[in-house]
Amino acid sequence: CGLTYLEGSLPVSGVLESSLDMFGQYQEADKASGGANAEAAAVEAEIQQMERGVCCTEQLPQEQAATPTGIATNVTSVCWVDGGRGSETYMSLVATADRRIRLFGGSQSAPIAEFSDLPSPPLGLDSCTLDGGVQVLVTMMGGETVLLALKDISGGTPSFERKQSWKDHTKHVPAGKFAPGSSPSSDDVDGEEEAAPQAPATNPGLSFLTISRDHSARLYRRANWEGDFSCTGTIRLLGEVTACCWLTPEIFVLAARDDHHLLYYDVAGGSDGGPKERQKVNLNVVGDSVVSFAVLSLAASPNGKMVAACTDKSRVIVLQAYSNRQLRNLYGAVVEEYDTPTVCFSLDNTFVYCSSSLAVKAQGSDDLEERLAQVTAMCGQISIFELKSAQEVLRLPCHERAVRCMARHPQKEVLITGSFDKTAKYWG
C-alpha cells in the first residue's frame, strides 16, 4: 500500500515512548530517595500485614436504627452525633434543601428536634461532642456559617440554640470541619491498631475550617469549649477550594481546582499569627505540573498515616501522609467533574468507602411503566475498597438518585448516607 513505519514517527509510538521515559524517571527518583523509601516500605509492610477488617455490608434493621422519615426535600448533608463511648443509640443530623436541620435517633423514625432558622440552604454539617455537650457546624449556599448548640440530648427534650454566625465567604461554603481532639494513642508509633470502639479524643473542637467557591479557606479558633470562635486566618488560592480534612488538631489539608498539589497547613505560625503553609505534595506520580483532575473529597485515616483523595476521574488516590508516595490507586467508584462525592476510611484502616453515582438511562421500550422503573432504579451507590488488595470488594446500592453525602460514625462501623431522592439511610 506504499505505507512504511519509522520508529518514533507515529503519535501512539511517541506517547508510548514518553510514558516509558516518565516511568524510567520515576524509578530513578525512587532510587534516589532512600530515607523516604524506607519509610514508605514500612507503611506498605504494615498494609500487607493487615488482617481482613470490618466494613459495612447492608442497611441497618429498623429496630436498631429507624430510617428517618418526614423529609420532603433533597438531603444536602448528614453527620453523626456522638453519644459517647459505649452509647448504643445512633443519633444523626440531616440537612435538607428547605433550610432545615433535623435530629434523628434510636428507634424513632420521626425527627426528635428541628432547627429551621437558616438564611440559605445548608451544604455542610459537622458535629463535636465533649462531656455530653454537642455543638453543630452548618455551612451554607449563601456563604454563611452557623454554630449551633444541641441541648438535652441525653435526657429531656433535645433542642437547638444558635451560638454564633458568620458571613465571611462570598460564595457557596460546601464544607466546614471541626478539628479533632488529641487521641490518647496519638504518640504510639508501633503500628498496632486498637480495637473499635476507639477511645474518645480529648479537647476536640477548639478549631474549625471552612472552604468556599470564592477560592478561600478560613480558620476559626477558640481558647476553650465555652469560648467564642474568632477567625484567625484566611488562605486564598488560585482556584475553588474543593476539599479539606484534618490530620491532627494542629494540621489540616486543602485541595483546590487547577492545582496538582495537596496543601498542608499548620494552624499557627504564619506572619499574621494565623495558619502557615507546611508543605505542598505533588499528586502527579512523576512530579510534573500537569493538572489533569480535581480532588473533590479528602479523608485522613483514623491512624493518621494515610490520606485518601477522591478525584473527578473516578479514581481514589491513597497517599502516605505528608508525602507524595501513592500507596494505592482505587478504581470502581463513578465520580465526574461536578459530583459531590464523599470518601472515608473504615475505623480499622483496612477499607475505604467512596460514594458513587451511576447514570441510569431508560432503554428503548414501548412500555411507559417499564421505562419509568428503569429511570428510578438504584443509581446511588457506595463503593467499598479493601486497602490491602486495592480491589473494590463490595458495592452497596443505596439510593434512587445520587448519593449527595455520607458520614462514618466516629465510634462504630456504621454509615449514614443522604440523597436527592429525599431519603437518609443507615448502613452497618
Protein backbone atom coordinates (compact mmCIF):
# COMPACT_ATOMS: atom_id res chain seq x y z
CA CYS A 1 0.00 0.00 0.00
CA GLY A 2 3.02 2.26 -0.02
CA LEU A 3 2.98 2.99 3.76
CA THR A 4 6.09 2.50 5.86
CA TYR A 5 6.57 2.75 9.63
CA LEU A 6 9.54 4.61 11.03
CA GLU A 7 10.18 4.28 14.77
CA GLY A 8 9.01 7.37 16.61
CA SER A 9 7.00 8.69 13.64
CA LEU A 10 3.52 7.77 14.88
CA PRO A 11 1.74 9.70 17.64
CA VAL A 12 0.90 6.49 19.51
CA SER A 13 4.53 5.46 19.44
CA GLY A 14 5.50 8.90 20.73
CA VAL A 15 3.04 8.63 23.60
CA LEU A 16 4.38 5.19 24.49
CA GLU A 17 7.96 6.40 24.41
CA SER A 18 7.08 9.38 26.60
CA SER A 19 5.29 7.11 29.05
CA LEU A 20 8.30 4.78 29.27
CA ASP A 21 10.59 7.78 29.80
CA MET A 22 8.34 9.08 32.59
CA PHE A 23 8.31 5.63 34.21
CA GLY A 24 12.10 5.48 33.99
CA GLN A 25 12.41 8.92 35.58
CA TYR A 26 10.07 7.81 38.37
CA GLN A 27 12.19 4.70 39.01
CA GLU A 28 15.38 6.78 39.17
CA ALA A 29 13.74 9.26 41.56
CA ASP A 30 12.56 6.28 43.58
CA LYS A 31 16.13 5.01 43.97
CA ALA A 32 17.43 8.45 44.91
CA SER A 33 15.04 8.96 47.85
CA GLY A 34 16.49 6.39 50.22
CA GLY A 35 15.08 7.59 53.57
CA ALA A 36 11.63 8.29 52.15
CA ASN A 37 11.60 4.88 50.51
CA ALA A 38 12.41 3.15 53.79
CA GLU A 39 9.51 4.95 55.46
CA ALA A 40 7.18 4.12 52.57
CA ALA A 41 8.29 0.47 52.69
CA ALA A 42 7.38 0.39 56.36
CA VAL A 43 3.91 1.74 55.63
CA GLU A 44 3.45 -0.76 52.80
CA ALA A 45 4.58 -3.60 55.05
CA GLU A 46 2.04 -2.51 57.63
CA ILE A 47 -0.71 -2.56 54.98
CA GLN A 48 0.32 -6.03 53.84
CA GLN A 49 0.18 -7.29 57.42
CA MET A 50 -3.40 -6.09 57.84
CA GLU A 51 -5.90 -8.81 58.50
CA ARG A 52 -9.27 -8.51 56.84
CA GLY A 53 -11.16 -5.96 58.88
CA VAL A 54 -14.78 -4.91 59.22
CA CYS A 55 -16.84 -2.87 56.75
CA CYS A 56 -20.49 -2.03 56.22
CA THR A 57 -22.39 -4.61 54.15
CA GLU A 58 -26.12 -3.89 54.49
CA GLN A 59 -28.78 -1.48 55.66
CA LEU A 60 -29.27 -1.48 59.42
CA PRO A 61 -32.52 -3.10 60.61
CA GLN A 62 -35.30 -0.77 61.71
CA GLU A 63 -35.19 -1.95 65.32
CA GLN A 64 -31.53 -0.96 65.54
CA ALA A 65 -31.75 2.38 63.75
CA ALA A 66 -35.04 3.51 62.28
CA THR A 67 -34.80 5.04 58.80
CA PRO A 68 -35.51 8.80 59.09
CA THR A 69 -38.91 9.95 57.86
CA GLY A 70 -40.59 13.31 57.36
CA ILE A 71 -38.03 14.51 54.80
CA ALA A 72 -39.80 16.30 51.95
CA THR A 73 -36.85 17.82 50.04
CA ASN A 74 -33.36 16.86 48.87
CA VAL A 75 -30.88 15.81 51.55
CA THR A 76 -27.79 18.01 51.26
CA SER A 77 -25.64 16.87 54.20
CA VAL A 78 -25.53 14.35 57.05
CA CYS A 79 -23.41 13.77 60.13
CA TRP A 80 -23.43 11.75 63.35
CA VAL A 81 -23.97 12.99 66.87
CA ASP A 82 -21.53 11.04 69.03
CA GLY A 83 -23.34 9.80 72.12
CA GLY A 84 -20.02 8.84 73.71
CA ARG A 85 -18.11 5.63 74.08
CA GLY A 86 -20.40 2.70 74.80
CA SER A 87 -23.57 4.52 73.73
CA GLU A 88 -25.95 2.17 71.94
CA THR A 89 -28.19 4.89 70.50
CA TYR A 90 -27.48 6.09 66.98
CA MET A 91 -28.15 9.82 66.64
CA SER A 92 -27.75 11.70 63.39
CA LEU A 93 -28.28 15.12 61.86
CA VAL A 94 -29.82 15.55 58.41
CA ALA A 95 -29.72 18.84 56.49
CA THR A 96 -32.20 19.46 53.69
CA ALA A 97 -32.66 21.98 50.88
CA ASP A 98 -35.64 23.58 52.67
CA ARG A 99 -33.20 25.20 55.14
CA ARG A 100 -33.80 22.73 57.96
CA ILE A 101 -31.60 20.65 60.25
CA ARG A 102 -33.30 17.64 61.83
CA LEU A 103 -32.09 15.38 64.65
CA PHE A 104 -32.96 11.68 64.44
CA GLY A 105 -32.21 9.00 66.98
CA GLY A 106 -32.81 5.47 68.20
CA SER A 107 -35.86 3.52 67.14
CA GLN A 108 -37.88 6.66 66.40
CA SER A 109 -38.10 7.42 62.68
CA ALA A 110 -39.60 10.89 63.10
CA PRO A 111 -37.26 13.82 63.93
CA ILE A 112 -36.81 14.48 67.65
CA ALA A 113 -35.60 18.07 67.18
CA GLU A 114 -35.52 20.57 64.33
CA PHE A 115 -33.85 23.88 63.50
CA SER A 116 -35.30 25.97 60.65
CA ASP A 117 -33.87 29.47 61.13
CA LEU A 118 -31.18 29.26 58.44
CA PRO A 119 -30.53 32.13 55.99
CA SER A 120 -29.87 29.83 52.99
CA PRO A 121 -29.86 26.11 52.15
CA PRO A 122 -27.27 24.13 54.15
CA LEU A 123 -24.47 22.37 52.28
CA GLY A 124 -22.24 21.01 55.04
CA LEU A 125 -22.67 19.60 58.56
CA ASP A 126 -20.22 18.60 61.27
CA SER A 127 -20.61 17.99 64.99
CA CYS A 128 -18.35 17.90 68.01
CA THR A 129 -19.05 16.33 71.42
CA LEU A 130 -17.36 16.99 74.76
CA ASP A 131 -18.62 15.90 78.20
CA GLY A 132 -22.13 15.38 76.88
CA GLY A 133 -22.29 18.77 75.17
CA VAL A 134 -22.78 18.85 71.41
CA GLN A 135 -22.03 21.68 69.00
CA VAL A 136 -23.01 21.65 65.34
CA LEU A 137 -21.33 23.47 62.46
CA VAL A 138 -23.52 24.37 59.48
CA THR A 139 -22.16 25.85 56.22
CA MET A 140 -24.50 27.25 53.59
CA MET A 141 -25.09 28.14 49.98
CA GLY A 142 -25.15 31.88 50.63
CA GLY A 143 -21.65 31.95 52.15
CA GLU A 144 -22.89 31.78 55.75
CA THR A 145 -21.62 29.63 58.63
CA VAL A 146 -23.62 28.98 61.81
CA LEU A 147 -22.57 27.36 65.08
CA LEU A 148 -25.41 25.64 66.99
CA ALA A 149 -25.55 24.04 70.41
CA LEU A 150 -27.61 20.86 70.69
CA LYS A 151 -29.03 20.69 74.19
CA ASP A 152 -30.55 17.93 76.33
CA ILE A 153 -29.74 15.02 74.01
CA SER A 154 -29.25 12.55 76.86
CA GLY A 155 -32.44 13.42 78.68
CA GLY A 156 -35.45 15.66 78.35
CA THR A 157 -36.42 17.24 75.04
CA PRO A 158 -33.49 17.96 72.67
CA SER A 159 -33.36 21.46 71.18
CA PHE A 160 -31.06 23.66 69.10
CA GLU A 161 -29.65 27.00 70.17
CA ARG A 162 -27.78 29.40 67.88
CA LYS A 163 -24.36 30.27 69.32
CA GLN A 164 -22.52 32.24 66.60
CA SER A 165 -22.96 33.24 62.96
CA TRP A 166 -20.59 34.42 60.23
CA LYS A 167 -20.88 35.70 56.65
CA ASP A 168 -17.19 35.71 55.75
CA HIS A 169 -17.41 33.97 52.35
CA THR A 170 -18.88 35.48 49.19
CA LYS A 171 -19.88 32.17 47.54
CA HIS A 172 -21.05 28.66 48.46
CA VAL A 173 -19.43 27.10 51.53
CA PRO A 174 -19.67 23.37 50.77
CA ALA A 175 -17.94 22.16 53.92
CA GLY A 176 -16.87 23.07 57.43
CA LYS A 177 -14.85 20.70 59.64
CA PHE A 178 -14.11 20.72 63.36
CA ALA A 179 -10.55 19.88 64.34
CA PRO A 180 -10.25 16.51 66.08
CA GLY A 181 -9.13 16.21 69.65
CA SER A 182 -5.86 14.74 70.81
CA SER A 183 -6.03 10.97 70.69
CA PRO A 184 -4.81 9.07 73.77
CA SER A 185 -2.90 6.82 71.36
CA SER A 186 -1.53 9.57 69.13
CA ASP A 187 2.01 9.01 70.38
CA ASP A 188 2.00 5.31 69.51
CA VAL A 189 4.28 4.56 66.58
CA ASP A 190 4.41 0.79 66.72
CA GLY A 191 1.68 0.41 64.10
CA GLU A 192 -0.61 -1.66 66.31
CA GLU A 193 -4.30 -0.94 65.86
CA GLU A 194 -6.71 -0.57 68.71
CA ALA A 195 -9.98 -2.43 68.64
CA ALA A 196 -13.09 -0.37 67.94
CA PRO A 197 -14.69 1.49 69.55
CA GLN A 198 -11.81 3.88 69.81
CA ALA A 199 -11.08 5.86 72.93
CA PRO A 200 -12.61 9.35 72.77
CA ALA A 201 -10.28 12.23 71.95
CA THR A 202 -9.54 14.99 74.41
CA ASN A 203 -10.22 18.70 73.77
CA PRO A 204 -11.92 18.36 70.37
CA GLY A 205 -13.47 21.28 68.55
CA LEU A 206 -11.06 24.06 69.50
CA SER A 207 -10.67 24.94 65.81
CA PHE A 208 -12.75 24.61 62.68
CA LEU A 209 -12.13 25.18 58.99
CA THR A 210 -14.44 26.36 56.21
CA ILE A 211 -13.83 26.14 52.46
CA SER A 212 -15.58 28.04 49.68
CA ARG A 213 -16.01 28.50 45.97
CA ASP A 214 -14.69 32.04 46.48
CA HIS A 215 -11.17 30.49 46.34
CA SER A 216 -10.59 30.78 50.07
CA ALA A 217 -10.45 28.75 53.27
CA ARG A 218 -10.91 30.27 56.71
CA LEU A 219 -9.66 29.05 60.07
CA TYR A 220 -11.53 29.78 63.31
CA ARG A 221 -10.17 29.09 66.79
CA ARG A 222 -11.14 29.44 70.45
CA ALA A 223 -9.32 29.01 73.74
CA ASN A 224 -11.74 26.52 75.32
CA TRP A 225 -15.05 24.71 74.79
CA GLU A 226 -17.14 27.50 76.32
CA GLY A 227 -15.35 30.31 74.50
CA ASP A 228 -16.34 32.07 71.27
CA PHE A 229 -14.68 31.34 67.95
CA SER A 230 -12.89 34.05 66.01
CA CYS A 231 -11.34 33.94 62.55
CA THR A 232 -7.55 33.68 62.89
CA GLY A 233 -6.61 33.48 59.24
CA THR A 234 -7.70 33.32 55.61
CA ILE A 235 -5.98 31.23 52.95
CA ARG A 236 -6.53 32.44 49.39
CA LEU A 237 -5.85 30.08 46.49
CA LEU A 238 -5.97 30.45 42.72
CA GLY A 239 -8.93 28.08 42.30
CA GLU A 240 -12.07 26.99 44.08
CA VAL A 241 -11.24 25.18 47.32
CA THR A 242 -12.86 21.80 46.77
CA ALA A 243 -11.93 19.65 49.79
CA CYS A 244 -10.39 19.68 53.25
CA CYS A 245 -9.58 17.35 56.12
CA TRP A 246 -7.76 17.42 59.45
CA LEU A 247 -4.76 15.17 60.10
CA THR A 248 -4.17 16.30 63.69
CA PRO A 249 -5.60 19.06 65.91
CA GLU A 250 -2.83 21.30 64.56
CA ILE A 251 -2.53 20.27 60.89
CA PHE A 252 -5.08 20.36 58.06
CA VAL A 253 -5.01 19.61 54.34
CA LEU A 254 -6.62 21.50 51.43
CA ALA A 255 -7.24 20.78 47.75
CA ALA A 256 -8.27 23.24 45.04
CA ARG A 257 -9.23 23.20 41.37
CA ASP A 258 -6.47 23.89 38.86
CA ASP A 259 -3.84 22.80 41.39
CA HIS A 260 -1.97 19.49 41.26
CA HIS A 261 -0.95 19.69 44.93
CA LEU A 262 -2.33 18.78 48.31
CA LEU A 263 -1.61 21.72 50.61
CA TYR A 264 -0.67 21.03 54.24
CA TYR A 265 -1.04 23.82 56.82
CA ASP A 266 -0.23 24.34 60.48
CA VAL A 267 -2.96 26.21 62.37
CA ALA A 268 -0.42 28.75 63.67
CA GLY A 269 2.96 30.15 62.76
CA GLY A 270 2.00 32.47 59.91
CA SER A 271 3.29 36.03 59.72
CA ASP A 272 -0.08 37.31 60.95
CA GLY A 273 -0.37 34.66 63.68
CA GLY A 274 -2.70 32.57 61.52
CA PRO A 275 -2.16 29.37 59.55
CA LYS A 276 1.20 28.66 57.93
CA GLU A 277 1.83 26.53 54.87
CA ARG A 278 3.69 23.42 55.99
CA GLN A 279 4.31 21.69 52.66
CA LYS A 280 2.97 21.03 49.17
CA VAL A 281 2.53 17.45 47.99
CA ASN A 282 2.53 16.82 44.25
CA LEU A 283 -0.30 14.49 43.24
CA ASN A 284 1.36 13.60 39.95
CA VAL A 285 3.40 10.47 40.43
CA VAL A 286 6.25 11.62 38.15
CA GLY A 287 6.42 15.08 39.70
CA ASP A 288 5.27 17.13 36.71
CA SER A 289 2.93 20.14 36.87
CA VAL A 290 0.12 18.91 34.61
CA VAL A 291 -3.36 19.41 36.09
CA SER A 292 -5.50 16.56 34.76
CA PHE A 293 -8.00 16.09 37.59
CA ALA A 294 -9.56 17.81 40.59
CA VAL A 295 -9.74 16.46 44.13
CA LEU A 296 -13.37 16.61 45.28
CA SER A 297 -13.12 14.91 48.68
CA LEU A 298 -10.39 14.27 51.26
CA ALA A 299 -10.20 11.99 54.31
CA ALA A 300 -7.48 11.12 56.80
CA SER A 301 -7.20 7.56 58.09
CA PRO A 302 -8.01 7.02 61.78
CA ASN A 303 -4.37 6.16 62.47
CA GLY A 304 -3.23 9.41 60.82
CA LYS A 305 -0.83 7.66 58.42
CA MET A 306 -2.78 7.96 55.17
CA VAL A 307 -4.83 10.48 53.21
CA ALA A 308 -7.47 9.47 50.64
CA ALA A 309 -8.15 11.89 47.77
CA CYS A 310 -11.23 11.25 45.62
CA THR A 311 -10.89 12.78 42.16
CA ASP A 312 -13.31 13.69 39.40
CA LYS A 313 -11.81 10.95 37.20
CA SER A 314 -13.36 8.04 39.12
CA ARG A 315 -10.07 7.49 40.94
CA VAL A 316 -9.28 7.48 44.65
CA ILE A 317 -5.61 8.09 45.46
CA VAL A 318 -4.43 6.83 48.86
CA LEU A 319 -1.25 8.62 49.84
CA GLN A 320 1.17 8.29 52.70
CA ALA A 321 0.51 11.29 54.95
CA TYR A 322 2.97 14.18 54.48
CA SER A 323 4.32 12.52 51.33
CA ASN A 324 3.67 12.24 47.61
CA ARG A 325 4.02 8.46 47.91
CA GLN A 326 0.91 6.92 46.34
CA LEU A 327 0.18 3.77 48.31
CA ARG A 328 -2.91 2.77 46.33
CA ASN A 329 -4.98 3.89 43.34
CA LEU A 330 -8.55 2.67 43.67
CA TYR A 331 -10.86 2.41 40.65
CA GLY A 332 -14.54 1.45 40.56
CA ALA A 333 -16.50 4.36 42.02
CA VAL A 334 -18.08 6.58 39.35
CA VAL A 335 -17.24 10.24 40.05
CA GLU A 336 -17.49 13.02 37.50
CA GLU A 337 -16.40 16.66 37.33
CA TYR A 338 -19.19 18.33 39.29
CA ASP A 339 -20.29 15.46 41.53
CA THR A 340 -20.18 15.84 45.32
CA PRO A 341 -18.54 12.59 46.43
CA THR A 342 -17.50 11.59 49.93
CA VAL A 343 -14.57 9.36 50.79
CA CYS A 344 -13.67 7.92 54.21
CA PHE A 345 -11.75 5.08 55.84
CA SER A 346 -13.14 2.30 57.99
CA LEU A 347 -12.36 2.58 61.70
CA ASP A 348 -9.70 -0.15 61.48
CA ASN A 349 -7.99 1.50 58.45
CA THR A 350 -8.50 -1.60 56.26
CA PHE A 351 -11.27 -0.36 53.93
CA VAL A 352 -12.06 2.82 52.00
CA TYR A 353 -15.65 3.92 51.30
CA CYS A 354 -16.48 6.17 48.36
CA SER A 355 -19.86 7.37 47.13
CA SER A 356 -20.61 6.55 43.51
CA SER A 357 -23.41 7.68 41.23
CA LEU A 358 -24.35 5.77 38.11
CA ALA A 359 -26.12 7.47 35.22
CA VAL A 360 -29.25 5.39 34.72
CA LYS A 361 -30.79 5.80 31.28
CA ALA A 362 -34.10 4.34 30.23
CA GLN A 363 -33.67 1.75 27.47
CA GLY A 364 -35.85 1.83 24.40
CA SER A 365 -39.22 0.39 25.29
CA ASP A 366 -42.81 0.98 24.27
CA ASP A 367 -44.00 0.31 27.81
CA LEU A 368 -44.10 3.55 29.84
CA GLU A 369 -44.15 1.78 33.23
CA GLU A 370 -41.07 -0.25 32.30
CA ARG A 371 -39.15 2.88 31.27
CA LEU A 372 -40.14 4.68 34.49
CA ALA A 373 -38.96 1.68 36.51
CA GLN A 374 -35.60 1.84 34.74
CA VAL A 375 -35.20 5.54 35.47
CA THR A 376 -35.93 5.05 39.18
CA ALA A 377 -33.56 2.10 39.53
CA MET A 378 -30.91 2.39 42.23
CA CYS A 379 -28.22 4.71 40.86
CA GLY A 380 -26.65 5.97 44.11
CA GLN A 381 -24.05 3.51 45.43
CA ILE A 382 -21.23 3.16 47.92
CA SER A 383 -18.08 1.50 46.59
CA ILE A 384 -16.05 -0.33 49.24
CA PHE A 385 -12.36 -0.98 48.61
CA GLU A 386 -10.04 -3.27 50.53
CA LEU A 387 -6.85 -1.33 51.09
CA LYS A 388 -4.52 -4.34 51.17
CA SER A 389 -5.54 -5.69 47.76
CA ALA A 390 -6.60 -2.33 46.24
CA GLN A 391 -9.74 -4.10 44.99
CA GLU A 392 -13.36 -2.99 45.04
CA VAL A 393 -14.85 -5.76 47.17
CA LEU A 394 -18.46 -4.60 47.52
CA ARG A 395 -21.00 -2.18 46.09
CA LEU A 396 -23.91 -1.07 48.23
CA PRO A 397 -26.91 0.11 46.14
CA CYS A 398 -28.21 2.88 48.39
CA HIS A 399 -30.49 5.39 46.71
CA GLU A 400 -32.62 6.02 43.65
CA ARG A 401 -30.74 9.25 42.99
CA ALA A 402 -27.15 10.38 43.50
CA VAL A 403 -25.59 9.95 46.95
CA ARG A 404 -25.17 13.58 47.98
CA CYS A 405 -23.44 12.96 51.33
CA MET A 406 -22.06 10.24 53.57
CA ALA A 407 -20.51 10.03 57.04
CA ARG A 408 -18.97 7.24 59.11
CA HIS A 409 -19.82 7.01 62.81
CA PRO A 410 -16.88 8.16 65.00
CA GLN A 411 -17.08 5.11 67.29
CA LYS A 412 -18.77 2.33 65.30
CA GLU A 413 -18.53 0.85 61.81
CA VAL A 414 -21.79 2.43 60.64
CA LEU A 415 -22.50 4.82 57.76
CA ILE A 416 -25.26 7.30 57.10
CA THR A 417 -25.99 8.35 53.52
CA GLY A 418 -28.21 11.11 52.15
CA SER A 419 -29.54 11.60 48.64
CA PHE A 420 -31.51 13.74 46.24
CA ASP A 421 -34.16 11.01 46.41
CA LYS A 422 -35.18 12.75 49.70
CA THR A 423 -34.05 9.94 51.99
CA ALA A 424 -31.31 9.25 54.54
CA LYS A 425 -30.32 5.67 55.37
CA TYR A 426 -28.09 3.79 57.84
CA TRP A 427 -25.63 1.04 56.90
CA GLY A 428 -23.71 -1.35 59.11
